[in-house]
Amino acid sequence: MKTILCYGDSNTYGYNPSNGFRYSESVRWTGRLKALLGGGYRVIEEGCNGRTTIFDDPLEGWKNGLGYLRPCLNSHKPIDIVILMLGSNDLKETFHASAEQIAGGAATLLGVIQDFTKEKQGFEPKIILVSPPEIGEGICDSPFSGSFRRDAVSRSREFPKWYRKAAKAHNCIFFNAAEHIEPSKEDSLHLAPEGHERLAQELYRAVKALEGSGKSGNAQA
């Protein structure tokens, strides 16, 4: 059985923009991916609302994705595939981060995944680096408008350029989520059920293609 670790933020957790609660497993893209892959795979959901790549939130510093990454990798080893989707929360005004800097944070996580697993489990997992979906045009009218400013929209559109470079530098798979999904109309940030469904379908294809190729990097979805 192969283990897939899905490491991300609220869109991996399954935040429901309609009510602020959590989608059921059958709606979340992680749960849908598990169903699509079948019994030969164990899909681990490691999504946390507000999680960043490497930035410390001034109010909730424990949401720094770097801080929990090594314990997470160690707890779930051996891990065969990591799907990493972080960066949306790094667009918050408090961090003043460019898309390039945010992709740099993601690249730091890629390096940690590769170095730590090589040491602790004896081999590196295949990694799918997901460039997050764009921030919606209505973010200024969103319940999250206090955290995100208008320029978060334009910065999010630069993600694919820089995430692609990060994936190439670390010999990982690059997956551009914005080509397949967009945030909900409710809050311009989180996915609606149809977004979760589409993301699961596309990542299923990416996982199967990765497994079929036997290669570890530079494929693009």
N, C-alpha and C. Protein backbone atom coordinates (compact mmCIF):
# COMPACT_ATOMS: atom_id res chain seq x y z
N MET A 1 0.84 -1.20 0.00
CA MET A 1 0.00 0.00 0.00
C MET A 1 0.87 1.25 0.00
N LYS A 2 0.53 2.20 -0.84
CA LYS A 2 1.29 3.44 -0.93
C LYS A 2 0.65 4.52 -0.07
N THR A 3 1.48 5.34 0.56
CA THR A 3 1.01 6.42 1.42
C THR A 3 1.20 7.76 0.73
N ILE A 4 0.11 8.53 0.67
CA ILE A 4 0.15 9.88 0.10
C ILE A 4 -0.15 10.88 1.21
N LEU A 5 0.77 11.78 1.45
CA LEU A 5 0.58 12.84 2.44
C LEU A 5 0.14 14.11 1.74
N CYS A 6 -1.02 14.64 2.12
CA CYS A 6 -1.54 15.89 1.57
C CYS A 6 -1.32 16.98 2.61
N TYR A 7 -0.36 17.85 2.36
CA TYR A 7 0.05 18.86 3.33
C TYR A 7 -0.36 20.23 2.81
N GLY A 8 -1.28 20.88 3.53
CA GLY A 8 -1.79 22.15 3.03
C GLY A 8 -2.49 22.99 4.07
N ASP A 9 -3.33 23.88 3.57
CA ASP A 9 -4.03 24.82 4.45
C ASP A 9 -5.52 24.50 4.50
N SER A 10 -6.36 25.53 4.58
CA SER A 10 -7.80 25.32 4.74
C SER A 10 -8.46 24.64 3.56
N ASN A 11 -7.89 24.79 2.36
CA ASN A 11 -8.47 24.11 1.21
C ASN A 11 -8.10 22.64 1.17
N THR A 12 -7.11 22.23 1.96
CA THR A 12 -6.83 20.81 2.16
C THR A 12 -7.62 20.29 3.35
N TYR A 13 -7.79 21.13 4.35
CA TYR A 13 -8.63 20.80 5.51
C TYR A 13 -10.07 20.59 5.09
N GLY A 14 -10.54 21.41 4.13
CA GLY A 14 -11.91 21.29 3.67
C GLY A 14 -12.84 22.34 4.25
N TYR A 15 -12.34 23.56 4.40
CA TYR A 15 -13.15 24.66 4.96
C TYR A 15 -14.34 24.95 4.04
N ASN A 16 -15.53 25.01 4.65
CA ASN A 16 -16.75 25.28 3.90
C ASN A 16 -17.05 26.77 3.95
N PRO A 17 -16.94 27.49 2.84
CA PRO A 17 -17.15 28.94 2.85
C PRO A 17 -18.59 29.36 3.12
N SER A 18 -19.51 28.43 3.02
CA SER A 18 -20.92 28.76 3.24
C SER A 18 -21.27 28.90 4.71
N ASN A 19 -20.55 28.13 5.58
CA ASN A 19 -20.91 28.16 6.99
C ASN A 19 -19.72 28.18 7.94
N GLY A 20 -18.50 28.09 7.42
CA GLY A 20 -17.32 28.13 8.27
C GLY A 20 -16.96 26.81 8.92
N PHE A 21 -17.74 25.77 8.63
CA PHE A 21 -17.44 24.45 9.19
C PHE A 21 -16.58 23.66 8.20
N ARG A 22 -16.55 22.36 8.37
CA ARG A 22 -15.72 21.52 7.52
C ARG A 22 -16.60 20.64 6.62
N TYR A 23 -16.23 20.56 5.35
CA TYR A 23 -16.91 19.64 4.46
C TYR A 23 -16.73 18.21 4.95
N SER A 24 -17.66 17.36 4.61
CA SER A 24 -17.53 15.94 4.94
C SER A 24 -16.41 15.32 4.11
N GLU A 25 -15.96 14.15 4.52
CA GLU A 25 -14.88 13.47 3.81
C GLU A 25 -15.26 13.20 2.36
N SER A 26 -16.54 12.95 2.11
CA SER A 26 -16.98 12.64 0.75
C SER A 26 -16.95 13.85 -0.17
N VAL A 27 -16.84 15.06 0.41
CA VAL A 27 -16.80 16.29 -0.37
C VAL A 27 -15.36 16.78 -0.53
N ARG A 28 -14.56 16.66 0.51
CA ARG A 28 -13.19 17.16 0.48
C ARG A 28 -12.39 16.49 -0.64
N TRP A 29 -11.51 17.26 -1.28
CA TRP A 29 -10.74 16.69 -2.39
C TRP A 29 -9.85 15.54 -1.93
N THR A 30 -9.41 15.60 -0.70
CA THR A 30 -8.58 14.52 -0.17
C THR A 30 -9.39 13.23 -0.05
N GLY A 31 -10.62 13.35 0.44
CA GLY A 31 -11.48 12.18 0.56
C GLY A 31 -11.88 11.64 -0.80
N ARG A 32 -12.15 12.54 -1.73
CA ARG A 32 -12.50 12.12 -3.09
C ARG A 32 -11.31 11.44 -3.77
N LEU A 33 -10.12 11.98 -3.53
CA LEU A 33 -8.91 11.37 -4.10
C LEU A 33 -8.73 9.95 -3.57
N LYS A 34 -8.95 9.78 -2.29
CA LYS A 34 -8.85 8.45 -1.68
C LYS A 34 -9.81 7.48 -2.34
N ALA A 35 -11.05 7.94 -2.57
CA ALA A 35 -12.05 7.08 -3.19
C ALA A 35 -11.66 6.72 -4.62
N LEU A 36 -11.12 7.69 -5.34
CA LEU A 36 -10.72 7.46 -6.73
C LEU A 36 -9.55 6.48 -6.83
N LEU A 37 -8.61 6.60 -5.91
CA LEU A 37 -7.41 5.76 -5.96
C LEU A 37 -7.68 4.33 -5.52
N GLY A 38 -8.62 4.16 -4.61
CA GLY A 38 -8.96 2.82 -4.17
C GLY A 38 -8.08 2.29 -3.05
N GLY A 39 -8.20 0.99 -2.83
CA GLY A 39 -7.59 0.38 -1.65
C GLY A 39 -6.08 0.27 -1.65
N GLY A 40 -5.44 0.55 -2.75
CA GLY A 40 -3.99 0.44 -2.78
C GLY A 40 -3.26 1.64 -2.24
N TYR A 41 -4.02 2.64 -1.78
CA TYR A 41 -3.43 3.88 -1.31
C TYR A 41 -4.00 4.30 0.04
N ARG A 42 -3.13 4.88 0.85
CA ARG A 42 -3.55 5.51 2.10
C ARG A 42 -3.34 7.01 1.93
N VAL A 43 -4.43 7.78 2.00
CA VAL A 43 -4.35 9.23 1.81
C VAL A 43 -4.48 9.91 3.16
N ILE A 44 -3.43 10.63 3.55
CA ILE A 44 -3.39 11.31 4.85
C ILE A 44 -3.70 12.78 4.67
N GLU A 45 -4.70 13.27 5.39
CA GLU A 45 -5.11 14.67 5.32
C GLU A 45 -4.39 15.47 6.40
N GLU A 46 -3.53 16.37 5.99
CA GLU A 46 -2.81 17.23 6.93
C GLU A 46 -3.04 18.68 6.50
N GLY A 47 -4.30 19.11 6.56
CA GLY A 47 -4.65 20.49 6.25
C GLY A 47 -4.93 21.26 7.52
N CYS A 48 -4.49 22.50 7.58
CA CYS A 48 -4.69 23.35 8.75
C CYS A 48 -5.11 24.74 8.29
N ASN A 49 -6.23 25.23 8.79
CA ASN A 49 -6.69 26.57 8.44
C ASN A 49 -5.63 27.61 8.78
N GLY A 50 -5.33 28.47 7.82
CA GLY A 50 -4.38 29.55 8.07
C GLY A 50 -2.92 29.18 7.94
N ARG A 51 -2.62 27.94 7.59
CA ARG A 51 -1.22 27.52 7.51
C ARG A 51 -0.49 28.27 6.39
N THR A 52 0.72 28.69 6.68
CA THR A 52 1.60 29.37 5.72
C THR A 52 2.71 28.41 5.28
N THR A 53 3.56 28.89 4.40
CA THR A 53 4.73 28.10 4.03
C THR A 53 5.77 28.18 5.17
N ILE A 54 6.36 29.36 5.36
CA ILE A 54 7.42 29.50 6.37
C ILE A 54 7.21 30.73 7.25
N PHE A 55 6.09 31.42 7.09
CA PHE A 55 5.88 32.68 7.82
C PHE A 55 5.17 32.45 9.16
N ASP A 56 5.61 33.19 10.18
CA ASP A 56 4.97 33.14 11.49
C ASP A 56 3.84 34.15 11.55
N ASP A 57 2.62 33.67 11.71
CA ASP A 57 1.49 34.56 11.92
C ASP A 57 1.67 35.26 13.27
N PRO A 58 1.51 36.59 13.33
CA PRO A 58 1.74 37.29 14.59
C PRO A 58 0.80 36.88 15.71
N LEU A 59 -0.35 36.34 15.37
CA LEU A 59 -1.32 35.92 16.38
C LEU A 59 -1.33 34.40 16.57
N GLU A 60 -1.05 33.67 15.51
CA GLU A 60 -1.08 32.21 15.57
C GLU A 60 0.17 31.64 14.91
N GLY A 61 1.30 31.83 15.59
CA GLY A 61 2.58 31.41 15.04
C GLY A 61 2.70 29.92 14.79
N TRP A 62 1.87 29.13 15.45
CA TRP A 62 1.93 27.68 15.29
C TRP A 62 1.42 27.22 13.92
N LYS A 63 0.93 28.15 13.12
CA LYS A 63 0.43 27.80 11.80
C LYS A 63 1.51 27.89 10.71
N ASN A 64 2.73 28.10 11.12
CA ASN A 64 3.87 28.08 10.20
C ASN A 64 4.05 26.64 9.69
N GLY A 65 3.95 26.45 8.38
CA GLY A 65 4.03 25.10 7.83
C GLY A 65 5.37 24.43 8.02
N LEU A 66 6.41 25.21 8.18
CA LEU A 66 7.74 24.64 8.37
C LEU A 66 7.87 23.97 9.73
N GLY A 67 7.29 24.58 10.74
CA GLY A 67 7.44 24.08 12.10
C GLY A 67 6.88 22.68 12.32
N TYR A 68 5.78 22.36 11.65
CA TYR A 68 5.13 21.06 11.85
C TYR A 68 5.56 20.03 10.82
N LEU A 69 6.28 20.45 9.80
CA LEU A 69 6.56 19.55 8.68
C LEU A 69 7.37 18.33 9.08
N ARG A 70 8.47 18.51 9.77
CA ARG A 70 9.31 17.36 10.13
C ARG A 70 8.57 16.38 11.05
N PRO A 71 7.91 16.84 12.13
CA PRO A 71 7.14 15.90 12.95
C PRO A 71 6.09 15.14 12.14
N CYS A 72 5.46 15.84 11.21
CA CYS A 72 4.43 15.23 10.38
C CYS A 72 5.03 14.14 9.50
N LEU A 73 6.14 14.43 8.85
CA LEU A 73 6.80 13.45 8.00
C LEU A 73 7.25 12.24 8.81
N ASN A 74 7.72 12.49 10.01
CA ASN A 74 8.22 11.41 10.84
C ASN A 74 7.08 10.52 11.34
N SER A 75 5.95 11.14 11.66
CA SER A 75 4.81 10.39 12.19
C SER A 75 4.20 9.45 11.16
N HIS A 76 4.22 9.86 9.92
CA HIS A 76 3.51 9.10 8.89
C HIS A 76 4.42 8.26 8.00
N LYS A 77 5.71 8.26 8.25
CA LYS A 77 6.63 7.50 7.41
C LYS A 77 6.38 6.00 7.49
N PRO A 78 6.65 5.26 6.42
CA PRO A 78 7.20 5.73 5.15
C PRO A 78 6.14 6.38 4.25
N ILE A 79 6.52 7.45 3.60
CA ILE A 79 5.63 8.21 2.73
C ILE A 79 6.13 8.08 1.29
N ASP A 80 5.22 7.74 0.41
CA ASP A 80 5.60 7.52 -0.99
C ASP A 80 5.41 8.77 -1.86
N ILE A 81 4.35 9.54 -1.56
CA ILE A 81 4.05 10.73 -2.35
C ILE A 81 3.61 11.85 -1.40
N VAL A 82 4.10 13.05 -1.65
CA VAL A 82 3.63 14.23 -0.92
C VAL A 82 2.97 15.18 -1.91
N ILE A 83 1.75 15.60 -1.59
CA ILE A 83 1.07 16.64 -2.35
C ILE A 83 1.11 17.89 -1.48
N LEU A 84 1.87 18.88 -1.91
CA LEU A 84 2.07 20.11 -1.13
C LEU A 84 1.33 21.26 -1.78
N MET A 85 0.35 21.83 -1.06
CA MET A 85 -0.40 22.97 -1.57
C MET A 85 -0.51 24.04 -0.48
N LEU A 86 0.45 24.96 -0.49
CA LEU A 86 0.48 26.06 0.45
C LEU A 86 0.86 27.35 -0.27
N GLY A 87 0.50 28.49 0.30
CA GLY A 87 0.87 29.77 -0.27
C GLY A 87 -0.23 30.81 -0.23
N SER A 88 -1.47 30.38 -0.23
CA SER A 88 -2.59 31.34 -0.23
C SER A 88 -2.56 32.25 0.98
N ASN A 89 -2.31 31.68 2.16
CA ASN A 89 -2.30 32.50 3.37
C ASN A 89 -1.09 33.43 3.45
N ASP A 90 -0.04 33.11 2.71
CA ASP A 90 1.14 33.97 2.66
C ASP A 90 0.84 35.29 1.97
N LEU A 91 -0.29 35.33 1.25
CA LEU A 91 -0.70 36.55 0.56
C LEU A 91 -1.35 37.57 1.51
N LYS A 92 -1.53 37.20 2.75
CA LYS A 92 -2.13 38.13 3.71
C LYS A 92 -1.29 39.39 3.84
N GLU A 93 -1.95 40.48 4.07
CA GLU A 93 -1.30 41.78 4.13
C GLU A 93 -0.20 41.82 5.19
N THR A 94 -0.38 41.08 6.27
CA THR A 94 0.57 41.12 7.38
C THR A 94 1.97 40.65 6.98
N PHE A 95 2.07 39.83 5.92
CA PHE A 95 3.37 39.28 5.54
C PHE A 95 4.08 40.09 4.46
N HIS A 96 3.35 40.90 3.71
CA HIS A 96 3.94 41.74 2.65
C HIS A 96 4.85 40.92 1.72
N ALA A 97 4.41 39.74 1.35
CA ALA A 97 5.25 38.83 0.57
C ALA A 97 4.87 38.84 -0.91
N SER A 98 5.86 38.82 -1.75
CA SER A 98 5.63 38.72 -3.19
C SER A 98 5.39 37.26 -3.55
N ALA A 99 4.89 37.03 -4.75
CA ALA A 99 4.69 35.66 -5.22
C ALA A 99 6.03 34.91 -5.27
N GLU A 100 7.07 35.61 -5.66
CA GLU A 100 8.40 34.98 -5.70
C GLU A 100 8.85 34.55 -4.31
N GLN A 101 8.64 35.41 -3.31
CA GLN A 101 9.04 35.07 -1.95
C GLN A 101 8.22 33.89 -1.41
N ILE A 102 6.94 33.88 -1.75
CA ILE A 102 6.07 32.80 -1.29
C ILE A 102 6.49 31.47 -1.91
N ALA A 103 6.79 31.50 -3.21
CA ALA A 103 7.29 30.29 -3.87
C ALA A 103 8.62 29.86 -3.26
N GLY A 104 9.41 30.84 -2.82
CA GLY A 104 10.65 30.51 -2.13
C GLY A 104 10.39 29.78 -0.83
N GLY A 105 9.32 30.17 -0.15
CA GLY A 105 8.92 29.46 1.06
C GLY A 105 8.53 28.03 0.76
N ALA A 106 7.78 27.86 -0.33
CA ALA A 106 7.40 26.51 -0.74
C ALA A 106 8.64 25.69 -1.09
N ALA A 107 9.61 26.33 -1.73
CA ALA A 107 10.86 25.64 -2.08
C ALA A 107 11.61 25.19 -0.84
N THR A 108 11.57 26.01 0.21
CA THR A 108 12.20 25.61 1.48
C THR A 108 11.57 24.32 2.00
N LEU A 109 10.24 24.23 1.91
CA LEU A 109 9.55 23.03 2.36
C LEU A 109 9.91 21.82 1.51
N LEU A 110 10.06 22.03 0.22
CA LEU A 110 10.47 20.94 -0.66
C LEU A 110 11.83 20.38 -0.23
N GLY A 111 12.76 21.27 0.07
CA GLY A 111 14.08 20.84 0.51
C GLY A 111 14.03 20.06 1.80
N VAL A 112 13.18 20.52 2.72
CA VAL A 112 13.04 19.82 4.00
C VAL A 112 12.46 18.42 3.78
N ILE A 113 11.43 18.33 2.96
CA ILE A 113 10.82 17.03 2.67
C ILE A 113 11.86 16.07 2.12
N GLN A 114 12.63 16.52 1.17
CA GLN A 114 13.61 15.65 0.52
C GLN A 114 14.74 15.25 1.46
N ASP A 115 15.29 16.20 2.18
CA ASP A 115 16.41 15.91 3.07
C ASP A 115 15.99 15.06 4.27
N PHE A 116 14.86 15.41 4.87
CA PHE A 116 14.42 14.73 6.08
C PHE A 116 14.00 13.28 5.80
N THR A 117 13.25 13.08 4.71
CA THR A 117 12.81 11.72 4.40
C THR A 117 13.98 10.83 3.97
N LYS A 118 14.93 11.41 3.28
CA LYS A 118 16.10 10.64 2.88
C LYS A 118 16.82 10.11 4.11
N GLU A 119 16.86 10.95 5.16
CA GLU A 119 17.53 10.54 6.40
C GLU A 119 16.67 9.57 7.21
N LYS A 120 15.38 9.87 7.35
CA LYS A 120 14.54 9.13 8.29
C LYS A 120 13.86 7.89 7.73
N GLN A 121 13.63 7.85 6.43
CA GLN A 121 12.99 6.65 5.88
C GLN A 121 13.81 5.99 4.78
N GLY A 122 14.94 6.61 4.46
CA GLY A 122 15.86 5.99 3.52
C GLY A 122 15.61 6.27 2.06
N PHE A 123 14.56 6.98 1.75
CA PHE A 123 14.29 7.37 0.36
C PHE A 123 13.41 8.61 0.34
N GLU A 124 13.49 9.35 -0.75
CA GLU A 124 12.68 10.55 -0.90
C GLU A 124 11.34 10.21 -1.56
N PRO A 125 10.25 10.76 -1.06
CA PRO A 125 8.97 10.56 -1.73
C PRO A 125 8.90 11.38 -3.01
N LYS A 126 8.06 10.97 -3.90
CA LYS A 126 7.76 11.80 -5.05
C LYS A 126 6.89 12.95 -4.55
N ILE A 127 7.11 14.13 -5.10
CA ILE A 127 6.41 15.32 -4.62
C ILE A 127 5.66 16.00 -5.75
N ILE A 128 4.40 16.32 -5.49
CA ILE A 128 3.60 17.13 -6.40
C ILE A 128 3.45 18.50 -5.75
N LEU A 129 4.08 19.50 -6.31
CA LEU A 129 3.96 20.86 -5.80
C LEU A 129 2.80 21.54 -6.50
N VAL A 130 1.79 21.89 -5.73
CA VAL A 130 0.58 22.51 -6.29
C VAL A 130 0.66 24.02 -6.14
N SER A 131 0.62 24.71 -7.27
CA SER A 131 0.48 26.17 -7.25
C SER A 131 -0.97 26.46 -6.91
N PRO A 132 -1.25 27.15 -5.80
CA PRO A 132 -2.63 27.30 -5.31
C PRO A 132 -3.54 28.03 -6.28
N PRO A 133 -4.85 27.84 -6.13
CA PRO A 133 -5.80 28.58 -6.97
C PRO A 133 -5.69 30.08 -6.72
N GLU A 134 -6.14 30.86 -7.68
CA GLU A 134 -6.08 32.31 -7.55
C GLU A 134 -7.04 32.80 -6.46
N ILE A 135 -6.74 33.96 -5.92
CA ILE A 135 -7.67 34.65 -5.03
C ILE A 135 -8.75 35.30 -5.91
N GLY A 136 -9.99 35.21 -5.48
CA GLY A 136 -11.09 35.74 -6.28
C GLY A 136 -11.17 37.25 -6.28
N GLU A 137 -11.78 37.78 -7.32
CA GLU A 137 -11.93 39.23 -7.48
C GLU A 137 -12.72 39.88 -6.35
N GLY A 138 -13.56 39.11 -5.69
CA GLY A 138 -14.40 39.68 -4.64
C GLY A 138 -13.78 39.65 -3.25
N ILE A 139 -12.47 39.49 -3.16
CA ILE A 139 -11.84 39.34 -1.84
C ILE A 139 -12.06 40.55 -0.94
N CYS A 140 -12.19 41.73 -1.54
CA CYS A 140 -12.37 42.93 -0.72
C CYS A 140 -13.75 42.98 -0.07
N ASP A 141 -14.69 42.19 -0.58
CA ASP A 141 -16.02 42.10 0.00
C ASP A 141 -16.22 40.79 0.75
N SER A 142 -15.14 40.06 0.89
CA SER A 142 -15.18 38.75 1.53
C SER A 142 -15.14 38.88 3.06
N PRO A 143 -15.61 37.87 3.78
CA PRO A 143 -15.43 37.86 5.23
C PRO A 143 -13.95 37.93 5.65
N PHE A 144 -13.06 37.65 4.69
CA PHE A 144 -11.63 37.67 4.98
C PHE A 144 -10.95 38.93 4.46
N SER A 145 -11.74 39.93 4.17
CA SER A 145 -11.19 41.18 3.62
C SER A 145 -10.27 41.89 4.61
N GLY A 146 -10.40 41.60 5.88
CA GLY A 146 -9.52 42.22 6.86
C GLY A 146 -8.10 41.71 6.79
N SER A 147 -7.92 40.54 6.19
CA SER A 147 -6.59 39.94 6.09
C SER A 147 -5.96 40.10 4.71
N PHE A 148 -6.81 40.17 3.68
CA PHE A 148 -6.31 40.23 2.31
C PHE A 148 -6.69 41.55 1.67
N ARG A 149 -5.76 42.14 0.94
CA ARG A 149 -6.02 43.36 0.20
C ARG A 149 -6.19 43.04 -1.28
N ARG A 150 -6.56 44.04 -2.03
CA ARG A 150 -6.86 43.86 -3.44
C ARG A 150 -5.68 43.26 -4.22
N ASP A 151 -4.46 43.65 -3.87
CA ASP A 151 -3.32 43.17 -4.65
C ASP A 151 -3.02 41.69 -4.44
N ALA A 152 -3.71 41.06 -3.49
CA ALA A 152 -3.55 39.62 -3.32
C ALA A 152 -4.01 38.88 -4.57
N VAL A 153 -4.98 39.46 -5.28
CA VAL A 153 -5.49 38.84 -6.50
C VAL A 153 -4.40 38.78 -7.56
N SER A 154 -3.76 39.91 -7.81
CA SER A 154 -2.71 39.95 -8.85
C SER A 154 -1.49 39.13 -8.43
N ARG A 155 -1.15 39.14 -7.17
CA ARG A 155 0.00 38.36 -6.72
C ARG A 155 -0.27 36.86 -6.86
N SER A 156 -1.51 36.45 -6.58
CA SER A 156 -1.85 35.02 -6.70
C SER A 156 -1.73 34.55 -8.14
N ARG A 157 -1.96 35.45 -9.08
CA ARG A 157 -1.87 35.09 -10.50
C ARG A 157 -0.42 34.87 -10.95
N GLU A 158 0.52 35.31 -10.13
CA GLU A 158 1.94 35.10 -10.44
C GLU A 158 2.47 33.78 -9.88
N PHE A 159 1.67 33.09 -9.10
CA PHE A 159 2.12 31.85 -8.48
C PHE A 159 2.68 30.83 -9.47
N PRO A 160 1.96 30.51 -10.56
CA PRO A 160 2.45 29.46 -11.46
C PRO A 160 3.87 29.68 -11.96
N LYS A 161 4.20 30.92 -12.30
CA LYS A 161 5.54 31.23 -12.80
C LYS A 161 6.61 30.82 -11.81
N TRP A 162 6.41 31.20 -10.56
CA TRP A 162 7.45 30.96 -9.55
C TRP A 162 7.40 29.55 -8.97
N TYR A 163 6.21 28.99 -8.85
CA TYR A 163 6.10 27.62 -8.35
C TYR A 163 6.68 26.63 -9.35
N ARG A 164 6.50 26.92 -10.61
CA ARG A 164 7.08 26.05 -11.64
C ARG A 164 8.60 26.01 -11.49
N LYS A 165 9.21 27.16 -11.25
CA LYS A 165 10.66 27.23 -11.07
C LYS A 165 11.09 26.47 -9.82
N ALA A 166 10.31 26.59 -8.75
CA ALA A 166 10.65 25.88 -7.52
C ALA A 166 10.58 24.37 -7.73
N ALA A 167 9.54 23.92 -8.43
CA ALA A 167 9.40 22.49 -8.70
C ALA A 167 10.55 21.98 -9.55
N LYS A 168 10.92 22.74 -10.55
CA LYS A 168 12.02 22.33 -11.43
C LYS A 168 13.33 22.25 -10.67
N ALA A 169 13.57 23.22 -9.79
CA ALA A 169 14.82 23.25 -9.03
C ALA A 169 14.95 22.05 -8.10
N HIS A 170 13.81 21.53 -7.65
CA HIS A 170 13.83 20.39 -6.72
C HIS A 170 13.40 19.09 -7.38
N ASN A 171 13.33 19.11 -8.70
CA ASN A 171 13.01 17.89 -9.46
C ASN A 171 11.68 17.28 -9.02
N CYS A 172 10.68 18.15 -8.86
CA CYS A 172 9.35 17.72 -8.43
C CYS A 172 8.32 17.92 -9.54
N ILE A 173 7.16 17.37 -9.35
CA ILE A 173 6.05 17.56 -10.27
C ILE A 173 5.41 18.92 -10.00
N PHE A 174 5.15 19.67 -11.04
CA PHE A 174 4.45 20.95 -10.93
C PHE A 174 3.01 20.78 -11.36
N PHE A 175 2.09 21.27 -10.53
CA PHE A 175 0.65 21.19 -10.83
C PHE A 175 0.04 22.57 -10.62
N ASN A 176 -0.53 23.12 -11.67
CA ASN A 176 -1.13 24.46 -11.61
C ASN A 176 -2.62 24.34 -11.33
N ALA A 177 -3.00 24.50 -10.07
CA ALA A 177 -4.41 24.35 -9.69
C ALA A 177 -5.31 25.37 -10.36
N ALA A 178 -4.78 26.56 -10.64
CA ALA A 178 -5.59 27.63 -11.22
C ALA A 178 -6.08 27.29 -12.63
N GLU A 179 -5.47 26.32 -13.26
CA GLU A 179 -5.93 25.89 -14.58
C GLU A 179 -7.21 25.06 -14.49
N HIS A 180 -7.51 24.59 -13.29
CA HIS A 180 -8.63 23.67 -13.13
C HIS A 180 -9.73 24.16 -12.19
N ILE A 181 -9.38 24.99 -11.23
CA ILE A 181 -10.35 25.38 -10.20
C ILE A 181 -10.24 26.87 -9.89
N GLU A 182 -11.29 27.39 -9.27
CA GLU A 182 -11.29 28.78 -8.80
C GLU A 182 -12.00 28.83 -7.46
N PRO A 183 -11.76 29.86 -6.66
CA PRO A 183 -12.39 29.94 -5.34
C PRO A 183 -13.89 30.18 -5.45
N SER A 184 -14.58 29.94 -4.38
CA SER A 184 -16.03 30.11 -4.34
C SER A 184 -16.42 31.58 -4.42
N LYS A 185 -17.64 31.83 -4.81
CA LYS A 185 -18.18 33.19 -4.83
C LYS A 185 -18.45 33.69 -3.41
N GLU A 186 -18.64 32.75 -2.47
CA GLU A 186 -18.97 33.12 -1.10
C GLU A 186 -17.88 33.96 -0.43
N ASP A 187 -16.62 33.55 -0.61
CA ASP A 187 -15.56 34.29 0.09
C ASP A 187 -14.31 34.55 -0.76
N SER A 188 -14.33 34.14 -2.02
CA SER A 188 -13.22 34.39 -2.95
C SER A 188 -11.90 33.76 -2.51
N LEU A 189 -11.98 32.77 -1.62
CA LEU A 189 -10.77 32.16 -1.07
C LEU A 189 -10.84 30.64 -1.01
N HIS A 190 -11.98 30.13 -0.55
CA HIS A 190 -12.11 28.69 -0.35
C HIS A 190 -12.94 28.03 -1.45
N LEU A 191 -12.69 26.75 -1.64
CA LEU A 191 -13.32 26.01 -2.72
C LEU A 191 -14.75 25.61 -2.40
N ALA A 192 -15.60 25.67 -3.42
CA ALA A 192 -16.94 25.11 -3.35
C ALA A 192 -16.84 23.61 -3.59
N PRO A 193 -17.89 22.84 -3.33
CA PRO A 193 -17.83 21.39 -3.53
C PRO A 193 -17.37 20.98 -4.93
N GLU A 194 -17.83 21.71 -5.96
CA GLU A 194 -17.41 21.35 -7.31
C GLU A 194 -15.92 21.57 -7.53
N GLY A 195 -15.35 22.54 -6.80
CA GLY A 195 -13.90 22.77 -6.87
C GLY A 195 -13.14 21.61 -6.27
N HIS A 196 -13.63 21.09 -5.15
CA HIS A 196 -13.00 19.93 -4.53
C HIS A 196 -13.08 18.72 -5.46
N GLU A 197 -14.22 18.54 -6.08
CA GLU A 197 -14.40 17.41 -6.99
C GLU A 197 -13.42 17.48 -8.17
N ARG A 198 -13.32 18.66 -8.76
CA ARG A 198 -12.44 18.81 -9.93
C ARG A 198 -10.98 18.64 -9.52
N LEU A 199 -10.60 19.21 -8.39
CA LEU A 199 -9.22 19.10 -7.94
C LEU A 199 -8.86 17.64 -7.69
N ALA A 200 -9.77 16.90 -7.07
CA ALA A 200 -9.52 15.47 -6.82
C ALA A 200 -9.34 14.72 -8.12
N GLN A 201 -10.16 15.00 -9.09
CA GLN A 201 -10.06 14.31 -10.38
C GLN A 201 -8.72 14.59 -11.06
N GLU A 202 -8.31 15.86 -11.04
CA GLU A 202 -7.08 16.22 -11.71
C GLU A 202 -5.84 15.70 -10.98
N LEU A 203 -5.89 15.73 -9.65
CA LEU A 203 -4.76 15.19 -8.89
C LEU A 203 -4.70 13.67 -8.99
N TYR A 204 -5.85 13.04 -9.12
CA TYR A 204 -5.87 11.60 -9.37
C TYR A 204 -5.11 11.29 -10.66
N ARG A 205 -5.38 12.05 -11.70
CA ARG A 205 -4.68 11.86 -12.96
C ARG A 205 -3.18 12.10 -12.79
N ALA A 206 -2.83 13.13 -12.02
CA ALA A 206 -1.42 13.44 -11.80
C ALA A 206 -0.71 12.32 -11.04
N VAL A 207 -1.38 11.77 -10.03
CA VAL A 207 -0.79 10.67 -9.26
C VAL A 207 -0.61 9.43 -10.12
N LYS A 208 -1.63 9.08 -10.90
CA LYS A 208 -1.53 7.89 -11.73
C LYS A 208 -0.47 8.06 -12.82
N ALA A 209 -0.37 9.27 -13.37
CA ALA A 209 0.66 9.53 -14.38
C ALA A 209 2.05 9.44 -13.76
N LEU A 210 2.17 9.95 -12.55
CA LEU A 210 3.45 9.90 -11.84
C LEU A 210 3.84 8.46 -11.55
N GLU A 211 2.90 7.67 -11.09
CA GLU A 211 3.17 6.27 -10.80
C GLU A 211 3.50 5.50 -12.07
N GLY A 212 2.80 5.82 -13.14
CA GLY A 212 3.02 5.11 -14.39
C GLY A 212 4.35 5.42 -15.03
N SER A 213 4.80 6.66 -14.82
CA SER A 213 6.05 7.07 -15.46
C SER A 213 7.27 6.54 -14.75
N GLY A 214 7.12 6.34 -13.43
CA GLY A 214 8.27 5.91 -12.65
C GLY A 214 9.28 7.01 -12.44
N LYS A 215 8.93 8.22 -12.87
CA LYS A 215 9.85 9.35 -12.74
C LYS A 215 9.46 10.20 -11.55
N SER A 216 10.38 11.04 -11.12
CA SER A 216 10.15 11.82 -9.91
C SER A 216 10.01 13.31 -10.15
N GLY A 217 10.27 13.80 -11.35
CA GLY A 217 10.23 15.25 -11.45
C GLY A 217 10.00 15.81 -12.81
N ASN A 218 9.68 17.12 -12.78
CA ASN A 218 9.58 17.98 -13.95
C ASN A 218 8.39 17.72 -14.86
N ALA A 219 7.51 16.79 -14.51
CA ALA A 219 6.25 16.66 -15.25
C ALA A 219 5.37 17.84 -14.89
N GLN A 220 4.49 18.21 -15.79
CA GLN A 220 3.65 19.37 -15.53
C GLN A 220 2.19 19.03 -15.78
N ALA A 221 1.36 19.37 -14.82
CA ALA A 221 -0.08 19.11 -14.97
C ALA A 221 -0.82 20.40 -15.15
